[in-house]
Structures are given as structure tokens and as C-alpha cells.
Amino acid sequence: MLDKKVHIRPDDYLGEVSLGKGTFTYKIQNRAAAEGLIDIQTVKD
């Protein structure tokens, strides 16, 4: 994120499920730099 700190503040965990067994990589993309919005996805390795 170009040396910027990123904080996640979820509103709730409704609909969230466990990732399960295995190893995962977090894919973090900058959606809208001006608003500080990011998109986080998990990718199973």
C-alpha cells in the first residue's frame, strides 16, 4: 500500500465463514485511493 498503514474495521461478521484448513494468501488492492478504500480477498495456495 505504498508505505501507508491499513486498518480493517468490520461493521459485523454476518455471512463470514471460516477459511478452513490450508494456507492462504491475502490479495489487497487499492480500490479508490482518494477515499482510502481497499479490496481484500483470500486466495488458497
PDB file of N, CA and C in Angstrom:
ATOM      1  N   MET A   1       0.832  -1.184   0.000  1.00  0.00           N
ATOM      2  CA  MET A   1       0.000   0.000   0.000  1.00  0.00           C
ATOM      3  C   MET A   1       0.875   1.245   0.000  1.00  0.00           C
ATOM      4  N   LEU A   2       2.023   1.126  -0.593  1.00  0.00           N
ATOM      5  CA  LEU A   2       2.933   2.261  -0.756  1.00  0.00           C
ATOM      6  C   LEU A   2       3.285   2.930   0.568  1.00  0.00           C
ATOM      7  N   ASP A   3       3.713   2.121   1.519  1.00  0.00           N
ATOM      8  CA  ASP A   3       4.163   2.589   2.833  1.00  0.00           C
ATOM      9  C   ASP A   3       3.072   3.241   3.672  1.00  0.00           C
ATOM     10  N   LYS A   4       1.817   2.995   3.371  1.00  0.00           N
ATOM     11  CA  LYS A   4       0.716   3.513   4.167  1.00  0.00           C
ATOM     12  C   LYS A   4       0.173   2.398   5.053  1.00  0.00           C
ATOM     13  N   LYS A   5      -0.184   2.736   6.282  1.00  0.00           N
ATOM     14  CA  LYS A   5      -0.799   1.758   7.174  1.00  0.00           C
ATOM     15  C   LYS A   5      -2.253   1.567   6.779  1.00  0.00           C
ATOM     16  N   VAL A   6      -2.711   0.321   6.843  1.00  0.00           N
ATOM     17  CA  VAL A   6      -4.085  -0.012   6.503  1.00  0.00           C
ATOM     18  C   VAL A   6      -4.720  -0.664   7.724  1.00  0.00           C
ATOM     19  N   HIS A   7      -5.903  -0.195   8.096  1.00  0.00           N
ATOM     20  CA  HIS A   7      -6.636  -0.749   9.227  1.00  0.00           C
ATOM     21  C   HIS A   7      -7.973  -1.282   8.741  1.00  0.00           C
ATOM     22  N   ILE A   8      -8.359  -2.431   9.274  1.00  0.00           N
ATOM     23  CA  ILE A   8      -9.643  -3.024   8.922  1.00  0.00           C
ATOM     24  C   ILE A   8     -10.576  -2.879  10.113  1.00  0.00           C
ATOM     25  N   ARG A   9     -11.736  -2.314   9.869  1.00  0.00           N
ATOM     26  CA  ARG A   9     -12.745  -2.158  10.913  1.00  0.00           C
ATOM     27  C   ARG A   9     -14.069  -2.723  10.402  1.00  0.00           C
ATOM     28  N   PRO A  10     -14.258  -4.034  10.524  1.00  0.00           N
ATOM     29  CA  PRO A  10     -15.517  -4.606  10.037  1.00  0.00           C
ATOM     30  C   PRO A  10     -16.702  -4.123  10.861  1.00  0.00           C
ATOM     31  N   ASP A  11     -17.805  -3.886  10.190  1.00  0.00           N
ATOM     32  CA  ASP A  11     -19.036  -3.488  10.883  1.00  0.00           C
ATOM     33  C   ASP A  11     -19.633  -4.676  11.626  1.00  0.00           C
ATOM     34  N   ASP A  12     -19.608  -5.830  10.971  1.00  0.00           N
ATOM     35  CA  ASP A  12     -20.108  -7.059  11.576  1.00  0.00           C
ATOM     36  C   ASP A  12     -19.496  -8.244  10.828  1.00  0.00           C
ATOM     37  N   TYR A  13     -19.777  -9.419  11.286  1.00  0.00           N
ATOM     38  CA  TYR A  13     -19.234 -10.619  10.648  1.00  0.00           C
ATOM     39  C   TYR A  13     -20.352 -11.447  10.021  1.00  0.00           C
ATOM     40  N   LEU A  14     -21.493 -10.837   9.764  1.00  0.00           N
ATOM     41  CA  LEU A  14     -22.627 -11.522   9.183  1.00  0.00           C
ATOM     42  C   LEU A  14     -22.257 -12.089   7.817  1.00  0.00           C
ATOM     43  N   GLY A  15     -22.466 -13.379   7.637  1.00  0.00           N
ATOM     44  CA  GLY A  15     -22.168 -14.021   6.363  1.00  0.00           C
ATOM     45  C   GLY A  15     -20.728 -14.475   6.211  1.00  0.00           C
ATOM     46  N   GLU A  16     -19.879 -14.160   7.176  1.00  0.00           N
ATOM     47  CA  GLU A  16     -18.478 -14.584   7.100  1.00  0.00           C
ATOM     48  C   GLU A  16     -18.370 -16.056   7.464  1.00  0.00           C
ATOM     49  N   VAL A  17     -17.475 -16.766   6.800  1.00  0.00           N
ATOM     50  CA  VAL A  17     -17.241 -18.179   7.090  1.00  0.00           C
ATOM     51  C   VAL A  17     -15.746 -18.398   7.291  1.00  0.00           C
ATOM     52  N   SER A  18     -15.418 -19.432   8.037  1.00  0.00           N
ATOM     53  CA  SER A  18     -14.027 -19.780   8.282  1.00  0.00           C
ATOM     54  C   SER A  18     -13.349 -20.163   6.966  1.00  0.00           C
ATOM     55  N   LEU A  19     -12.081 -19.856   6.848  1.00  0.00           N
ATOM     56  CA  LEU A  19     -11.336 -20.227   5.640  1.00  0.00           C
ATOM     57  C   LEU A  19     -11.094 -21.726   5.564  1.00  0.00           C
ATOM     58  N   GLY A  20     -11.095 -22.396   6.707  1.00  0.00           N
ATOM     59  CA  GLY A  20     -10.845 -23.835   6.709  1.00  0.00           C
ATOM     60  C   GLY A  20      -9.360 -24.141   6.756  1.00  0.00           C
ATOM     61  N   LYS A  21      -9.043 -25.408   6.560  1.00  0.00           N
ATOM     62  CA  LYS A  21      -7.645 -25.843   6.607  1.00  0.00           C
ATOM     63  C   LYS A  21      -6.917 -25.438   5.342  1.00  0.00           C
ATOM     64  N   GLY A  22      -5.615 -25.280   5.467  1.00  0.00           N
ATOM     65  CA  GLY A  22      -4.800 -24.942   4.313  1.00  0.00           C
ATOM     66  C   GLY A  22      -4.050 -23.640   4.532  1.00  0.00           C
ATOM     67  N   THR A  23      -3.354 -23.216   3.503  1.00  0.00           N
ATOM     68  CA  THR A  23      -2.632 -21.948   3.556  1.00  0.00           C
ATOM     69  C   THR A  23      -3.251 -20.996   2.541  1.00  0.00           C
ATOM     70  N   PHE A  24      -3.239 -19.723   2.893  1.00  0.00           N
ATOM     71  CA  PHE A  24      -3.897 -18.720   2.071  1.00  0.00           C
ATOM     72  C   PHE A  24      -3.000 -17.495   1.919  1.00  0.00           C
ATOM     73  N   THR A  25      -3.208 -16.782   0.849  1.00  0.00           N
ATOM     74  CA  THR A  25      -2.546 -15.517   0.603  1.00  0.00           C
ATOM     75  C   THR A  25      -3.624 -14.442   0.565  1.00  0.00           C
ATOM     76  N   TYR A  26      -3.352 -13.300   1.172  1.00  0.00           N
ATOM     77  CA  TYR A  26      -4.284 -12.179   1.119  1.00  0.00           C
ATOM     78  C   TYR A  26      -3.916 -11.297  -0.063  1.00  0.00           C
ATOM     79  N   LYS A  27      -4.884 -11.047  -0.933  1.00  0.00           N
ATOM     80  CA  LYS A  27      -4.701 -10.175  -2.082  1.00  0.00           C
ATOM     81  C   LYS A  27      -5.355  -8.840  -1.733  1.00  0.00           C
ATOM     82  N   ILE A  28      -4.556  -7.787  -1.623  1.00  0.00           N
ATOM     83  CA  ILE A  28      -5.050  -6.475  -1.222  1.00  0.00           C
ATOM     84  C   ILE A  28      -4.881  -5.514  -2.395  1.00  0.00           C
ATOM     85  N   GLN A  29      -5.995  -4.900  -2.798  1.00  0.00           N
ATOM     86  CA  GLN A  29      -5.958  -3.969  -3.918  1.00  0.00           C
ATOM     87  C   GLN A  29      -6.531  -2.625  -3.473  1.00  0.00           C
ATOM     88  N   ASN A  30      -5.947  -1.581  -3.973  1.00  0.00           N
ATOM     89  CA  ASN A  30      -6.392  -0.223  -3.705  1.00  0.00           C
ATOM     90  C   ASN A  30      -7.546   0.091  -4.659  1.00  0.00           C
ATOM     91  N   ARG A  31      -8.777   0.200  -4.130  1.00  0.00           N
ATOM     92  CA  ARG A  31      -9.950   0.453  -4.977  1.00  0.00           C
ATOM     93  C   ARG A  31     -10.109   1.920  -5.328  1.00  0.00           C
ATOM     94  N   ALA A  32      -9.978   2.764  -4.356  1.00  0.00           N
ATOM     95  CA  ALA A  32     -10.173   4.202  -4.581  1.00  0.00           C
ATOM     96  C   ALA A  32      -9.229   4.946  -3.648  1.00  0.00           C
ATOM     97  N   ALA A  33      -8.079   5.302  -4.168  1.00  0.00           N
ATOM     98  CA  ALA A  33      -7.030   5.923  -3.348  1.00  0.00           C
ATOM     99  C   ALA A  33      -7.521   7.179  -2.643  1.00  0.00           C
ATOM    100  N   ALA A  34      -8.297   7.983  -3.324  1.00  0.00           N
ATOM    101  CA  ALA A  34      -8.753   9.244  -2.730  1.00  0.00           C
ATOM    102  C   ALA A  34      -9.615   9.014  -1.495  1.00  0.00           C
ATOM    103  N   GLU A  35     -10.418   7.947  -1.501  1.00  0.00           N
ATOM    104  CA  GLU A  35     -11.286   7.658  -0.367  1.00  0.00           C
ATOM    105  C   GLU A  35     -10.653   6.684   0.618  1.00  0.00           C
ATOM    106  N   GLY A  36      -9.503   6.115   0.271  1.00  0.00           N
ATOM    107  CA  GLY A  36      -8.837   5.153   1.146  1.00  0.00           C
ATOM    108  C   GLY A  36      -9.523   3.806   1.189  1.00  0.00           C
ATOM    109  N   LEU A  37     -10.229   3.442   0.119  1.00  0.00           N
ATOM    110  CA  LEU A  37     -10.928   2.159   0.072  1.00  0.00           C
ATOM    111  C   LEU A  37     -10.029   1.079  -0.500  1.00  0.00           C
ATOM    112  N   ILE A  38     -10.097  -0.109   0.114  1.00  0.00           N
ATOM    113  CA  ILE A  38      -9.315  -1.239  -0.386  1.00  0.00           C
ATOM    114  C   ILE A  38     -10.229  -2.451  -0.536  1.00  0.00           C
ATOM    115  N   ASP A  39      -9.791  -3.418  -1.310  1.00  0.00           N
ATOM    116  CA  ASP A  39     -10.499  -4.679  -1.503  1.00  0.00           C
ATOM    117  C   ASP A  39      -9.562  -5.776  -1.024  1.00  0.00           C
ATOM    118  N   ILE A  40     -10.052  -6.665  -0.149  1.00  0.00           N
ATOM    119  CA  ILE A  40      -9.232  -7.755   0.375  1.00  0.00           C
ATOM    120  C   ILE A  40      -9.874  -9.086  -0.008  1.00  0.00           C
ATOM    121  N   GLN A  41      -9.076  -9.956  -0.610  1.00  0.00           N
ATOM    122  CA  GLN A  41      -9.547 -11.288  -0.989  1.00  0.00           C
ATOM    123  C   GLN A  41      -8.556 -12.312  -0.448  1.00  0.00           C
ATOM    124  N   THR A  42      -9.038 -13.524  -0.195  1.00  0.00           N
ATOM    125  CA  THR A  42      -8.137 -14.614   0.166  1.00  0.00           C
ATOM    126  C   THR A  42      -8.034 -15.561  -1.015  1.00  0.00           C
ATOM    127  N   VAL A  43      -6.830 -16.034  -1.259  1.00  0.00           N
ATOM    128  CA  VAL A  43      -6.561 -16.962  -2.337  1.00  0.00           C
ATOM    129  C   VAL A  43      -5.923 -18.186  -1.725  1.00  0.00           C
ATOM    130  N   LYS A  44      -6.531 -19.368  -1.925  1.00  0.00           N
ATOM    131  CA  LYS A  44      -5.961 -20.590  -1.360  1.00  0.00           C
ATOM    132  C   LYS A  44      -4.712 -20.968  -2.138  1.00  0.00           C
ATOM    133  N   ASP A  45      -3.627 -21.215  -1.404  1.00  0.00           N
ATOM    134  CA  ASP A  45      -2.345 -21.584  -2.021  1.00  0.00           C
ATOM    135  C   ASP A  45      -2.354 -23.057  -2.410  1.00  0.00           C
TER     136      ASP A  45
END
